[in-house]
Amino acid sequence: MEGRQRLEQRLDDTVRELAAQRRHFKEEEEKFRESINELVAKQEEKIKKLRSSEAELKN
């Protein structure tokens, strides 16, 4: 019976550890998505400025 309790405790510990890792990865994923969104917004802004400059040069 003692062996079973140890195994159950190890399983509980592993489940807690995996839950903590899952939370950490979700936080990292959210930070990554925010970074991507910021980069896309900057890219769109640069493209808009470039097109505006090109239009001015044509006139």
C-alpha atoms as a PDB file:
ATOM      1  CA  MET A   1       0.000   0.000   0.000  1.00  0.00           C
ATOM      2  CA  GLU A   2       2.883   2.382   0.734  1.00  0.00           C
ATOM      3  CA  GLY A   3       4.180   1.994  -2.813  1.00  0.00           C
ATOM      4  CA  ARG A   4       0.812   2.957  -4.211  1.00  0.00           C
ATOM      5  CA  GLN A   5       0.700   6.091  -2.047  1.00  0.00           C
ATOM      6  CA  ARG A   6       4.137   7.120  -3.294  1.00  0.00           C
ATOM      7  CA  LEU A   7       3.037   6.612  -6.884  1.00  0.00           C
ATOM      8  CA  GLU A   8      -0.127   8.621  -6.305  1.00  0.00           C
ATOM      9  CA  GLN A   9       1.912  11.407  -4.704  1.00  0.00           C
ATOM     10  CA  ARG A  10       4.325  11.430  -7.644  1.00  0.00           C
ATOM     11  CA  LEU A  11       1.375  11.562 -10.021  1.00  0.00           C
ATOM     12  CA  ASP A  12      -0.153  14.482  -8.098  1.00  0.00           C
ATOM     13  CA  ASP A  13       3.191  16.301  -8.125  1.00  0.00           C
ATOM     14  CA  THR A  14       3.555  15.721 -11.857  1.00  0.00           C
ATOM     15  CA  VAL A  15       0.033  16.970 -12.545  1.00  0.00           C
ATOM     16  CA  ARG A  16       0.734  20.159 -10.548  1.00  0.00           C
ATOM     17  CA  GLU A  17       4.037  20.673 -12.349  1.00  0.00           C
ATOM     18  CA  LEU A  18       2.416  20.222 -15.753  1.00  0.00           C
ATOM     19  CA  ALA A  19      -0.360  22.653 -14.833  1.00  0.00           C
ATOM     20  CA  ALA A  20       2.252  25.239 -13.841  1.00  0.00           C
ATOM     21  CA  GLN A  21       4.120  24.700 -17.105  1.00  0.00           C
ATOM     22  CA  ARG A  22       0.882  25.023 -19.061  1.00  0.00           C
ATOM     23  CA  ARG A  23       0.148  28.371 -17.386  1.00  0.00           C
ATOM     24  CA  HIS A  24       3.687  29.547 -18.099  1.00  0.00           C
ATOM     25  CA  PHE A  25       3.461  28.539 -21.762  1.00  0.00           C
ATOM     26  CA  LYS A  26       0.102  30.277 -22.123  1.00  0.00           C
ATOM     27  CA  GLU A  27       1.619  33.465 -20.683  1.00  0.00           C
ATOM     28  CA  GLU A  28       4.554  33.195 -23.084  1.00  0.00           C
ATOM     29  CA  GLU A  29       2.185  32.555 -25.981  1.00  0.00           C
ATOM     30  CA  GLU A  30       0.204  35.684 -25.082  1.00  0.00           C
ATOM     31  CA  LYS A  31       3.401  37.770 -24.944  1.00  0.00           C
ATOM     32  CA  PHE A  32       4.429  36.353 -28.323  1.00  0.00           C
ATOM     33  CA  ARG A  33       1.042  37.187 -29.851  1.00  0.00           C
ATOM     34  CA  GLU A  34       1.258  40.731 -28.488  1.00  0.00           C
ATOM     35  CA  SER A  35       4.726  41.121 -30.009  1.00  0.00           C
ATOM     36  CA  ILE A  36       3.498  39.820 -33.352  1.00  0.00           C
ATOM     37  CA  ASN A  37       0.556  42.237 -33.303  1.00  0.00           C
ATOM     38  CA  GLU A  38       2.883  45.153 -32.515  1.00  0.00           C
ATOM     39  CA  LEU A  39       5.224  44.184 -35.342  1.00  0.00           C
ATOM     40  CA  VAL A  40       2.359  43.833 -37.808  1.00  0.00           C
ATOM     41  CA  ALA A  41       1.033  47.273 -36.806  1.00  0.00           C
ATOM     42  CA  LYS A  42       4.494  48.807 -37.263  1.00  0.00           C
ATOM     43  CA  GLN A  43       4.861  47.106 -40.625  1.00  0.00           C
ATOM     44  CA  GLU A  44       1.490  48.400 -41.790  1.00  0.00           C
ATOM     45  CA  GLU A  45       2.417  51.901 -40.636  1.00  0.00           C
ATOM     46  CA  LYS A  46       5.725  51.782 -42.545  1.00  0.00           C
ATOM     47  CA  ILE A  47       3.997  50.510 -45.685  1.00  0.00           C
ATOM     48  CA  LYS A  48       1.440  53.317 -45.437  1.00  0.00           C
ATOM     49  CA  LYS A  49       4.211  55.925 -45.073  1.00  0.00           C
ATOM     50  CA  LEU A  50       6.123  54.432 -47.988  1.00  0.00           C
ATOM     51  CA  ARG A  51       3.063  54.512 -50.232  1.00  0.00           C
ATOM     52  CA  SER A  52       2.364  58.085 -49.187  1.00  0.00           C
ATOM     53  CA  SER A  53       5.946  59.069 -50.028  1.00  0.00           C
ATOM     54  CA  GLU A  54       5.703  57.318 -53.390  1.00  0.00           C
ATOM     55  CA  ALA A  55       2.475  59.180 -54.169  1.00  0.00           C
ATOM     56  CA  GLU A  56       4.112  62.513 -53.302  1.00  0.00           C
ATOM     57  CA  LEU A  57       7.053  61.759 -55.588  1.00  0.00           C
ATOM     58  CA  LYS A  58       4.716  61.024 -58.484  1.00  0.00           C
ATOM     59  CA  ASN A  59       2.986  64.412 -58.084  1.00  0.00           C
END
